[in-house]
């Protein structure tokens, strides 16, 4: 009985961490940039590490960052709620972590409930490079900068929206 209860909880937690990792870039560039630089020095971006750090320092966050983190968590909960049953059935044998469950869901969109498909579409619309990642870096394991390296290798093949996002990000890092 414990095994059955642990698996759905770990799937939900895994989905929330993946969602946090996807939102991490947006948070760091926006309302939480100064907070991350101050509170999370030395934390390597990616894999949701900065999002987790910000969560650990929640009481020290600026009001704007605290609001952004709360919004991201709510979106993550909505995603997990909409996709929990699908993750448990369609991605039953997939070990949670490093985006594996999310990748499984995306790769099996045609088998998902309409609610989960809608949440995935919404997540894809929030990040202009999501479809490029799926198309160009399908076999790349997330983490350790591997996705970013893959995207750099395929820079000439990126969609115009993703190229613009990448250029905007690079300009922001130069400042």
N, C-alpha and C. Protein backbone atom coordinates (compact mmCIF):
# COMPACT_ATOMS: atom_id res chain seq x y z
N UNK A 1 0.82 -1.20 0.00
CA UNK A 1 0.00 0.00 0.00
C UNK A 1 0.86 1.26 0.00
N UNK A 2 1.93 1.26 0.80
CA UNK A 2 2.82 2.42 0.84
C UNK A 2 3.41 2.69 -0.54
N UNK A 3 3.80 1.66 -1.24
CA UNK A 3 4.41 1.80 -2.56
C UNK A 3 3.47 2.54 -3.51
N UNK A 4 2.21 2.20 -3.47
CA UNK A 4 1.21 2.83 -4.34
C UNK A 4 1.06 4.30 -3.98
N UNK A 5 1.10 4.64 -2.71
CA UNK A 5 0.95 6.03 -2.30
C UNK A 5 2.20 6.85 -2.61
N UNK A 6 3.35 6.27 -2.49
CA UNK A 6 4.58 7.00 -2.72
C UNK A 6 4.74 7.37 -4.20
N UNK A 7 4.41 6.47 -5.10
CA UNK A 7 4.61 6.72 -6.52
C UNK A 7 3.83 7.94 -7.01
N UNK A 8 2.52 8.07 -6.77
CA UNK A 8 1.82 9.27 -7.23
C UNK A 8 2.40 10.54 -6.61
N UNK A 9 2.78 10.49 -5.35
CA UNK A 9 3.34 11.68 -4.72
C UNK A 9 4.67 12.05 -5.35
N UNK A 10 5.49 11.06 -5.66
CA UNK A 10 6.78 11.37 -6.28
C UNK A 10 6.58 11.91 -7.70
N UNK A 11 5.57 11.43 -8.41
CA UNK A 11 5.27 11.94 -9.74
C UNK A 11 4.85 13.40 -9.65
N UNK A 12 3.96 13.70 -8.70
CA UNK A 12 3.51 15.09 -8.53
C UNK A 12 4.68 15.98 -8.16
N UNK A 13 5.52 15.54 -7.22
CA UNK A 13 6.67 16.33 -6.83
C UNK A 13 7.60 16.53 -8.02
N UNK A 14 7.81 15.49 -8.79
CA UNK A 14 8.67 15.59 -9.96
C UNK A 14 8.13 16.59 -10.97
N UNK A 15 6.82 16.57 -11.19
CA UNK A 15 6.21 17.53 -12.10
C UNK A 15 6.36 18.95 -11.59
N UNK A 16 6.20 19.14 -10.28
CA UNK A 16 6.35 20.48 -9.71
C UNK A 16 7.78 20.99 -9.84
N UNK A 17 8.75 20.12 -9.64
CA UNK A 17 10.15 20.53 -9.78
C UNK A 17 10.45 20.89 -11.23
N UNK A 18 9.95 20.09 -12.17
CA UNK A 18 10.17 20.39 -13.59
C UNK A 18 9.52 21.72 -13.94
N UNK A 19 8.31 21.94 -13.44
CA UNK A 19 7.63 23.19 -13.72
C UNK A 19 8.42 24.36 -13.14
N UNK A 20 8.95 24.17 -11.94
CA UNK A 20 9.77 25.22 -11.32
C UNK A 20 11.02 25.49 -12.16
N UNK A 21 11.61 24.44 -12.69
CA UNK A 21 12.81 24.62 -13.50
C UNK A 21 12.49 25.39 -14.77
N UNK A 22 11.36 25.11 -15.39
CA UNK A 22 10.97 25.83 -16.58
C UNK A 22 10.70 27.29 -16.27
N UNK A 23 10.12 27.55 -15.13
CA UNK A 23 9.81 28.93 -14.75
C UNK A 23 11.03 29.67 -14.23
N UNK A 24 12.06 28.92 -13.87
CA UNK A 24 13.26 29.51 -13.25
C UNK A 24 13.84 30.63 -14.09
N UNK A 25 14.01 30.38 -15.36
CA UNK A 25 14.62 31.38 -16.23
C UNK A 25 13.81 32.67 -16.23
N UNK A 26 12.50 32.54 -16.32
CA UNK A 26 11.63 33.72 -16.35
C UNK A 26 11.73 34.48 -15.02
N UNK A 27 11.73 33.76 -13.91
CA UNK A 27 11.82 34.41 -12.60
C UNK A 27 13.14 35.15 -12.46
N UNK A 28 14.23 34.52 -12.85
CA UNK A 28 15.55 35.10 -12.65
C UNK A 28 15.72 36.33 -13.52
N UNK A 29 15.21 36.31 -14.73
CA UNK A 29 15.33 37.47 -15.60
C UNK A 29 14.42 38.60 -15.13
N UNK A 30 13.34 38.28 -14.45
CA UNK A 30 12.36 39.29 -14.10
C UNK A 30 12.44 39.72 -12.65
N UNK A 31 11.35 39.54 -11.96
CA UNK A 31 11.17 40.07 -10.62
C UNK A 31 12.16 39.54 -9.60
N UNK A 32 12.80 38.42 -9.86
CA UNK A 32 13.67 37.79 -8.85
C UNK A 32 15.16 37.90 -9.14
N UNK A 33 15.53 38.63 -10.16
CA UNK A 33 16.96 38.70 -10.53
C UNK A 33 17.83 39.17 -9.36
N UNK A 34 17.49 40.29 -8.77
CA UNK A 34 18.31 40.84 -7.66
C UNK A 34 18.30 39.89 -6.46
N UNK A 35 17.13 39.29 -6.17
CA UNK A 35 17.03 38.35 -5.05
C UNK A 35 17.94 37.14 -5.28
N UNK A 36 17.93 36.61 -6.50
CA UNK A 36 18.75 35.43 -6.82
C UNK A 36 20.24 35.77 -6.71
N UNK A 37 20.62 36.95 -7.19
CA UNK A 37 22.03 37.34 -7.11
C UNK A 37 22.47 37.51 -5.66
N UNK A 38 21.57 38.01 -4.82
CA UNK A 38 21.91 38.25 -3.41
C UNK A 38 21.84 36.97 -2.57
N UNK A 39 20.77 36.19 -2.74
CA UNK A 39 20.50 35.06 -1.84
C UNK A 39 21.02 33.72 -2.35
N UNK A 40 21.28 33.62 -3.63
CA UNK A 40 21.63 32.32 -4.21
C UNK A 40 22.98 32.36 -4.92
N UNK A 41 23.92 33.13 -4.37
CA UNK A 41 25.27 33.20 -4.95
C UNK A 41 25.85 31.80 -5.03
N UNK A 42 26.48 31.50 -6.13
CA UNK A 42 27.16 30.22 -6.27
C UNK A 42 26.26 29.07 -6.68
N UNK A 43 24.97 29.30 -6.79
CA UNK A 43 24.05 28.24 -7.21
C UNK A 43 24.06 28.20 -8.74
N UNK A 44 24.36 27.04 -9.29
CA UNK A 44 24.40 26.85 -10.73
C UNK A 44 22.97 26.84 -11.27
N UNK A 45 22.63 27.74 -12.21
CA UNK A 45 21.28 27.74 -12.79
C UNK A 45 20.98 26.44 -13.51
N UNK A 46 19.71 26.09 -13.57
CA UNK A 46 19.26 24.89 -14.27
C UNK A 46 18.74 23.84 -13.32
N UNK A 47 17.85 23.02 -13.83
CA UNK A 47 17.31 21.92 -13.05
C UNK A 47 16.46 22.37 -11.88
N UNK A 48 16.05 23.63 -11.88
CA UNK A 48 15.21 24.14 -10.79
C UNK A 48 15.99 24.53 -9.55
N UNK A 49 17.33 24.51 -9.61
CA UNK A 49 18.14 24.81 -8.42
C UNK A 49 17.91 26.22 -7.90
N UNK A 50 17.84 27.21 -8.81
CA UNK A 50 17.61 28.58 -8.34
C UNK A 50 16.20 28.74 -7.79
N UNK A 51 15.24 28.10 -8.42
CA UNK A 51 13.86 28.16 -7.93
C UNK A 51 13.77 27.56 -6.52
N UNK A 52 14.47 26.46 -6.30
CA UNK A 52 14.49 25.83 -4.97
C UNK A 52 15.17 26.74 -3.96
N UNK A 53 16.27 27.37 -4.37
CA UNK A 53 16.98 28.30 -3.48
C UNK A 53 16.07 29.46 -3.10
N UNK A 54 15.39 30.03 -4.08
CA UNK A 54 14.49 31.15 -3.79
C UNK A 54 13.39 30.71 -2.82
N UNK A 55 12.89 29.51 -3.02
CA UNK A 55 11.85 28.98 -2.12
C UNK A 55 12.40 28.84 -0.69
N UNK A 56 13.65 28.42 -0.56
CA UNK A 56 14.26 28.27 0.76
C UNK A 56 14.45 29.62 1.45
N UNK A 57 14.56 30.68 0.67
CA UNK A 57 14.75 32.03 1.22
C UNK A 57 13.49 32.87 1.09
N UNK A 58 12.34 32.21 1.05
CA UNK A 58 11.07 32.89 0.78
C UNK A 58 10.83 34.09 1.69
N UNK A 59 11.16 33.96 2.96
CA UNK A 59 10.90 35.06 3.90
C UNK A 59 11.79 36.28 3.64
N UNK A 60 12.88 36.10 2.89
CA UNK A 60 13.82 37.19 2.61
C UNK A 60 13.59 37.82 1.24
N UNK A 61 12.66 37.31 0.46
CA UNK A 61 12.45 37.78 -0.90
C UNK A 61 11.75 39.14 -0.93
N UNK A 62 12.03 39.88 -2.00
CA UNK A 62 11.32 41.14 -2.22
C UNK A 62 9.85 40.82 -2.48
N UNK A 63 8.95 41.76 -2.24
CA UNK A 63 7.53 41.50 -2.49
C UNK A 63 7.24 41.08 -3.93
N UNK A 64 7.89 41.70 -4.91
CA UNK A 64 7.65 41.36 -6.32
C UNK A 64 8.10 39.93 -6.61
N UNK A 65 9.23 39.54 -6.07
CA UNK A 65 9.73 38.18 -6.29
C UNK A 65 8.84 37.17 -5.57
N UNK A 66 8.45 37.48 -4.35
CA UNK A 66 7.58 36.58 -3.59
C UNK A 66 6.28 36.33 -4.36
N UNK A 67 5.75 37.38 -4.97
CA UNK A 67 4.52 37.25 -5.75
C UNK A 67 4.75 36.37 -6.98
N UNK A 68 5.89 36.55 -7.65
CA UNK A 68 6.21 35.75 -8.83
C UNK A 68 6.40 34.28 -8.48
N UNK A 69 7.06 34.01 -7.36
CA UNK A 69 7.26 32.63 -6.92
C UNK A 69 5.91 31.98 -6.60
N UNK A 70 5.04 32.71 -5.92
CA UNK A 70 3.71 32.18 -5.59
C UNK A 70 2.92 31.87 -6.86
N UNK A 71 3.02 32.75 -7.83
CA UNK A 71 2.32 32.55 -9.11
C UNK A 71 2.85 31.30 -9.82
N UNK A 72 4.15 31.13 -9.81
CA UNK A 72 4.78 29.97 -10.44
C UNK A 72 4.36 28.68 -9.73
N UNK A 73 4.33 28.72 -8.41
CA UNK A 73 3.91 27.53 -7.66
C UNK A 73 2.47 27.18 -7.98
N UNK A 74 1.61 28.18 -8.10
CA UNK A 74 0.21 27.93 -8.42
C UNK A 74 0.08 27.29 -9.80
N UNK A 75 0.85 27.81 -10.76
CA UNK A 75 0.83 27.23 -12.10
C UNK A 75 1.30 25.78 -12.06
N UNK A 76 2.33 25.52 -11.26
CA UNK A 76 2.84 24.16 -11.12
C UNK A 76 1.81 23.22 -10.52
N UNK A 77 1.08 23.70 -9.52
CA UNK A 77 0.04 22.88 -8.89
C UNK A 77 -1.07 22.58 -9.88
N UNK A 78 -1.44 23.59 -10.69
CA UNK A 78 -2.49 23.39 -11.68
C UNK A 78 -2.04 22.35 -12.72
N UNK A 79 -0.78 22.45 -13.12
CA UNK A 79 -0.24 21.49 -14.09
C UNK A 79 -0.25 20.09 -13.49
N UNK A 80 0.26 19.96 -12.27
CA UNK A 80 0.32 18.65 -11.62
C UNK A 80 -1.08 18.06 -11.44
N UNK A 81 -2.03 18.89 -11.07
CA UNK A 81 -3.41 18.41 -10.89
C UNK A 81 -3.98 17.91 -12.22
N UNK A 82 -3.76 18.69 -13.29
CA UNK A 82 -4.31 18.33 -14.60
C UNK A 82 -3.64 17.10 -15.19
N UNK A 83 -2.37 16.86 -14.85
CA UNK A 83 -1.61 15.80 -15.51
C UNK A 83 -1.30 14.60 -14.60
N UNK A 84 -1.73 14.64 -13.36
CA UNK A 84 -1.39 13.56 -12.42
C UNK A 84 -1.83 12.19 -12.93
N UNK A 85 -3.10 12.06 -13.29
CA UNK A 85 -3.62 10.76 -13.74
C UNK A 85 -2.92 10.31 -15.03
N UNK A 86 -2.68 11.25 -15.93
CA UNK A 86 -1.99 10.92 -17.18
C UNK A 86 -0.57 10.44 -16.90
N UNK A 87 0.13 11.13 -16.01
CA UNK A 87 1.50 10.74 -15.67
C UNK A 87 1.53 9.34 -15.06
N UNK A 88 0.53 9.04 -14.24
CA UNK A 88 0.48 7.73 -13.57
C UNK A 88 0.16 6.60 -14.54
N UNK A 89 -0.58 6.89 -15.62
CA UNK A 89 -0.94 5.83 -16.55
C UNK A 89 -0.04 5.82 -17.78
N UNK A 90 0.07 6.94 -18.46
CA UNK A 90 0.83 7.00 -19.71
C UNK A 90 2.33 6.87 -19.46
N UNK A 91 2.80 7.40 -18.34
CA UNK A 91 4.25 7.42 -18.05
C UNK A 91 4.56 6.58 -16.82
N UNK A 92 3.81 5.51 -16.64
CA UNK A 92 3.89 4.67 -15.45
C UNK A 92 5.31 4.18 -15.13
N UNK A 93 6.07 3.74 -16.10
CA UNK A 93 7.39 3.18 -15.84
C UNK A 93 8.52 4.21 -15.86
N UNK A 94 8.18 5.49 -16.01
CA UNK A 94 9.20 6.53 -16.11
C UNK A 94 9.59 7.01 -14.71
N UNK A 95 10.88 7.00 -14.44
CA UNK A 95 11.38 7.45 -13.14
C UNK A 95 11.34 8.97 -13.09
N UNK A 96 10.67 9.55 -12.09
CA UNK A 96 10.63 11.02 -11.99
C UNK A 96 12.02 11.60 -11.79
N UNK A 97 12.20 12.80 -12.29
CA UNK A 97 13.47 13.51 -12.14
C UNK A 97 14.04 13.91 -13.49
N UNK A 98 14.70 15.05 -13.51
CA UNK A 98 15.37 15.59 -14.68
C UNK A 98 14.44 15.73 -15.88
N UNK A 99 13.18 15.99 -15.63
CA UNK A 99 12.23 16.25 -16.70
C UNK A 99 11.73 15.03 -17.44
N UNK A 100 12.04 13.83 -16.94
CA UNK A 100 11.66 12.61 -17.67
C UNK A 100 10.15 12.44 -17.78
N UNK A 101 9.42 12.71 -16.71
CA UNK A 101 7.96 12.54 -16.76
C UNK A 101 7.35 13.57 -17.70
N UNK A 102 7.81 14.81 -17.60
CA UNK A 102 7.29 15.85 -18.49
C UNK A 102 7.59 15.50 -19.95
N UNK A 103 8.79 15.04 -20.21
CA UNK A 103 9.15 14.65 -21.58
C UNK A 103 8.25 13.52 -22.06
N UNK A 104 7.98 12.55 -21.20
CA UNK A 104 7.08 11.45 -21.54
C UNK A 104 5.69 11.98 -21.90
N UNK A 105 5.20 12.91 -21.08
CA UNK A 105 3.88 13.49 -21.34
C UNK A 105 3.87 14.21 -22.69
N UNK A 106 4.88 15.01 -22.95
CA UNK A 106 4.95 15.76 -24.20
C UNK A 106 5.03 14.81 -25.40
N UNK A 107 5.82 13.75 -25.27
CA UNK A 107 5.98 12.80 -26.37
C UNK A 107 4.72 11.97 -26.61
N UNK A 108 3.83 11.93 -25.63
CA UNK A 108 2.60 11.14 -25.74
C UNK A 108 1.36 12.01 -25.68
N UNK A 109 1.45 13.21 -26.21
CA UNK A 109 0.33 14.17 -26.15
C UNK A 109 -0.98 13.57 -26.63
N UNK A 110 -0.91 12.77 -27.69
CA UNK A 110 -2.14 12.21 -28.27
C UNK A 110 -2.86 11.25 -27.33
N UNK A 111 -2.18 10.76 -26.28
CA UNK A 111 -2.79 9.83 -25.33
C UNK A 111 -3.26 10.52 -24.05
N UNK A 112 -3.06 11.84 -23.96
CA UNK A 112 -3.36 12.56 -22.72
C UNK A 112 -4.78 13.10 -22.68
N UNK A 113 -5.23 13.36 -21.48
CA UNK A 113 -6.54 14.00 -21.30
C UNK A 113 -6.49 15.41 -21.87
N UNK A 114 -7.64 15.95 -22.19
CA UNK A 114 -7.68 17.30 -22.77
C UNK A 114 -7.13 18.34 -21.79
N UNK A 115 -7.37 18.15 -20.48
CA UNK A 115 -6.87 19.09 -19.48
C UNK A 115 -5.35 19.11 -19.42
N UNK A 116 -4.74 17.95 -19.48
CA UNK A 116 -3.28 17.87 -19.44
C UNK A 116 -2.69 18.43 -20.74
N UNK A 117 -3.30 18.10 -21.87
CA UNK A 117 -2.82 18.66 -23.14
C UNK A 117 -2.87 20.19 -23.12
N UNK A 118 -3.95 20.73 -22.55
CA UNK A 118 -4.09 22.19 -22.47
C UNK A 118 -3.00 22.80 -21.59
N UNK A 119 -2.67 22.15 -20.47
CA UNK A 119 -1.61 22.66 -19.58
C UNK A 119 -0.26 22.62 -20.28
N UNK A 120 0.01 21.56 -21.03
CA UNK A 120 1.28 21.45 -21.76
C UNK A 120 1.34 22.55 -22.82
N UNK A 121 0.25 22.75 -23.54
CA UNK A 121 0.22 23.80 -24.57
C UNK A 121 0.45 25.17 -23.94
N UNK A 122 -0.13 25.40 -22.77
CA UNK A 122 0.07 26.67 -22.08
C UNK A 122 1.53 26.85 -21.67
N UNK A 123 2.13 25.78 -21.16
CA UNK A 123 3.55 25.84 -20.79
C UNK A 123 4.44 26.11 -22.00
N UNK A 124 4.11 25.48 -23.12
CA UNK A 124 4.88 25.69 -24.34
C UNK A 124 4.75 27.13 -24.82
N UNK A 125 3.57 27.70 -24.66
CA UNK A 125 3.36 29.08 -25.13
C UNK A 125 4.11 30.08 -24.25
N UNK A 126 4.39 29.71 -23.00
CA UNK A 126 5.12 30.63 -22.11
C UNK A 126 6.60 30.69 -22.43
N UNK A 127 7.14 29.67 -23.08
CA UNK A 127 8.55 29.68 -23.41
C UNK A 127 8.72 29.49 -24.92
N UNK A 128 9.25 30.50 -25.59
CA UNK A 128 9.33 30.46 -27.05
C UNK A 128 10.25 29.38 -27.62
N UNK A 129 11.08 28.75 -26.80
CA UNK A 129 12.00 27.74 -27.32
C UNK A 129 11.55 26.31 -27.03
N UNK A 130 10.42 26.13 -26.37
CA UNK A 130 9.99 24.80 -25.97
C UNK A 130 9.83 23.85 -27.17
N UNK A 131 9.19 24.32 -28.22
CA UNK A 131 8.99 23.45 -29.39
C UNK A 131 10.32 23.14 -30.07
N UNK A 132 11.26 24.10 -30.06
CA UNK A 132 12.58 23.86 -30.64
C UNK A 132 13.33 22.80 -29.83
N UNK A 133 13.22 22.87 -28.52
CA UNK A 133 13.88 21.88 -27.66
C UNK A 133 13.32 20.49 -27.98
N UNK A 134 12.01 20.39 -28.08
CA UNK A 134 11.39 19.09 -28.39
C UNK A 134 11.84 18.58 -29.75
N UNK A 135 11.92 19.46 -30.72
CA UNK A 135 12.26 19.09 -32.09
C UNK A 135 13.74 18.78 -32.26
N UNK A 136 14.61 19.61 -31.68
CA UNK A 136 16.04 19.51 -31.96
C UNK A 136 16.85 18.74 -30.92
N UNK A 137 16.33 18.66 -29.69
CA UNK A 137 17.12 18.07 -28.59
C UNK A 137 16.36 16.95 -27.90
N UNK A 138 15.56 16.24 -28.66
CA UNK A 138 14.68 15.21 -28.10
C UNK A 138 15.42 14.16 -27.26
N UNK A 139 16.57 13.71 -27.70
CA UNK A 139 17.29 12.65 -26.98
C UNK A 139 18.27 13.15 -25.94
N UNK A 140 18.31 14.46 -25.70
CA UNK A 140 19.29 15.02 -24.77
C UNK A 140 18.73 15.01 -23.35
N UNK A 141 19.50 14.49 -22.42
CA UNK A 141 19.08 14.45 -21.02
C UNK A 141 19.26 15.83 -20.41
N UNK A 142 18.21 16.39 -19.78
CA UNK A 142 18.33 17.71 -19.17
C UNK A 142 19.35 17.72 -18.03
N UNK A 143 19.92 18.89 -17.79
CA UNK A 143 20.86 19.07 -16.68
C UNK A 143 22.27 19.25 -17.17
N UNK A 144 23.06 19.92 -16.36
CA UNK A 144 24.47 20.09 -16.66
C UNK A 144 24.75 20.93 -17.90
N UNK A 145 23.79 21.75 -18.30
CA UNK A 145 23.98 22.61 -19.47
C UNK A 145 23.84 21.89 -20.80
N UNK A 146 23.41 20.62 -20.78
CA UNK A 146 23.32 19.84 -22.02
C UNK A 146 22.27 20.39 -22.99
N UNK A 147 21.15 20.84 -22.46
CA UNK A 147 20.11 21.40 -23.33
C UNK A 147 20.60 22.69 -23.99
N UNK A 148 21.23 23.55 -23.22
CA UNK A 148 21.74 24.80 -23.77
C UNK A 148 22.79 24.52 -24.84
N UNK A 149 23.65 23.55 -24.59
CA UNK A 149 24.67 23.18 -25.58
C UNK A 149 24.01 22.65 -26.85
N UNK A 150 22.99 21.84 -26.71
CA UNK A 150 22.25 21.33 -27.87
C UNK A 150 21.64 22.47 -28.66
N UNK A 151 21.04 23.42 -27.95
CA UNK A 151 20.41 24.56 -28.64
C UNK A 151 21.46 25.40 -29.37
N UNK A 152 22.64 25.55 -28.77
CA UNK A 152 23.72 26.30 -29.43
C UNK A 152 24.17 25.58 -30.70
N UNK A 153 24.25 24.24 -30.64
CA UNK A 153 24.66 23.47 -31.81
C UNK A 153 23.66 23.58 -32.95
N UNK A 154 22.39 23.81 -32.60
CA UNK A 154 21.33 23.90 -33.61
C UNK A 154 20.86 25.34 -33.81
N UNK A 155 21.70 26.30 -33.48
CA UNK A 155 21.30 27.71 -33.52
C UNK A 155 20.72 28.13 -34.88
N UNK A 156 21.29 27.63 -35.96
CA UNK A 156 20.81 28.00 -37.29
C UNK A 156 19.41 27.46 -37.58
N UNK A 157 18.98 26.44 -36.82
CA UNK A 157 17.69 25.80 -37.06
C UNK A 157 16.59 26.31 -36.12
N UNK A 158 16.92 27.22 -35.21
CA UNK A 158 15.95 27.70 -34.23
C UNK A 158 14.85 28.53 -34.90
N UNK A 159 13.67 28.48 -34.31
CA UNK A 159 12.56 29.29 -34.79
C UNK A 159 12.88 30.76 -34.56
N UNK A 160 12.26 31.66 -35.32
CA UNK A 160 12.51 33.10 -35.13
C UNK A 160 12.20 33.56 -33.70
N UNK A 161 11.14 33.01 -33.10
CA UNK A 161 10.78 33.39 -31.72
C UNK A 161 11.86 32.98 -30.74
N UNK A 162 12.40 31.78 -30.92
CA UNK A 162 13.44 31.29 -30.02
C UNK A 162 14.73 32.07 -30.23
N UNK A 163 15.07 32.37 -31.48
CA UNK A 163 16.27 33.17 -31.76
C UNK A 163 16.16 34.52 -31.07
N UNK A 164 14.99 35.16 -31.18
CA UNK A 164 14.79 36.47 -30.55
C UNK A 164 14.92 36.36 -29.03
N UNK A 165 14.37 35.31 -28.47
CA UNK A 165 14.46 35.09 -27.02
C UNK A 165 15.92 34.91 -26.61
N UNK A 166 16.65 34.12 -27.37
CA UNK A 166 18.06 33.85 -27.06
C UNK A 166 18.88 35.15 -27.15
N UNK A 167 18.63 35.96 -28.19
CA UNK A 167 19.35 37.23 -28.34
C UNK A 167 19.03 38.17 -27.18
N UNK A 168 17.75 38.21 -26.79
CA UNK A 168 17.33 39.06 -25.67
C UNK A 168 18.02 38.61 -24.38
N UNK A 169 18.12 37.31 -24.18
CA UNK A 169 18.77 36.76 -23.00
C UNK A 169 20.26 37.10 -22.99
N UNK A 170 20.90 36.98 -24.15
CA UNK A 170 22.33 37.30 -24.25
C UNK A 170 22.56 38.79 -23.98
N UNK A 171 21.70 39.66 -24.52
CA UNK A 171 21.82 41.10 -24.28
C UNK A 171 21.68 41.41 -22.79
N UNK A 172 20.75 40.71 -22.12
CA UNK A 172 20.53 40.90 -20.68
C UNK A 172 21.73 40.50 -19.85
N UNK A 173 22.45 39.46 -20.28
CA UNK A 173 23.61 38.97 -19.54
C UNK A 173 24.81 39.90 -19.73
N UNK A 174 24.86 40.63 -20.87
CA UNK A 174 25.96 41.55 -21.13
C UNK A 174 25.89 42.79 -20.26
N UNK A 175 24.67 43.16 -19.83
CA UNK A 175 24.47 44.39 -19.05
C UNK A 175 25.00 44.27 -17.65
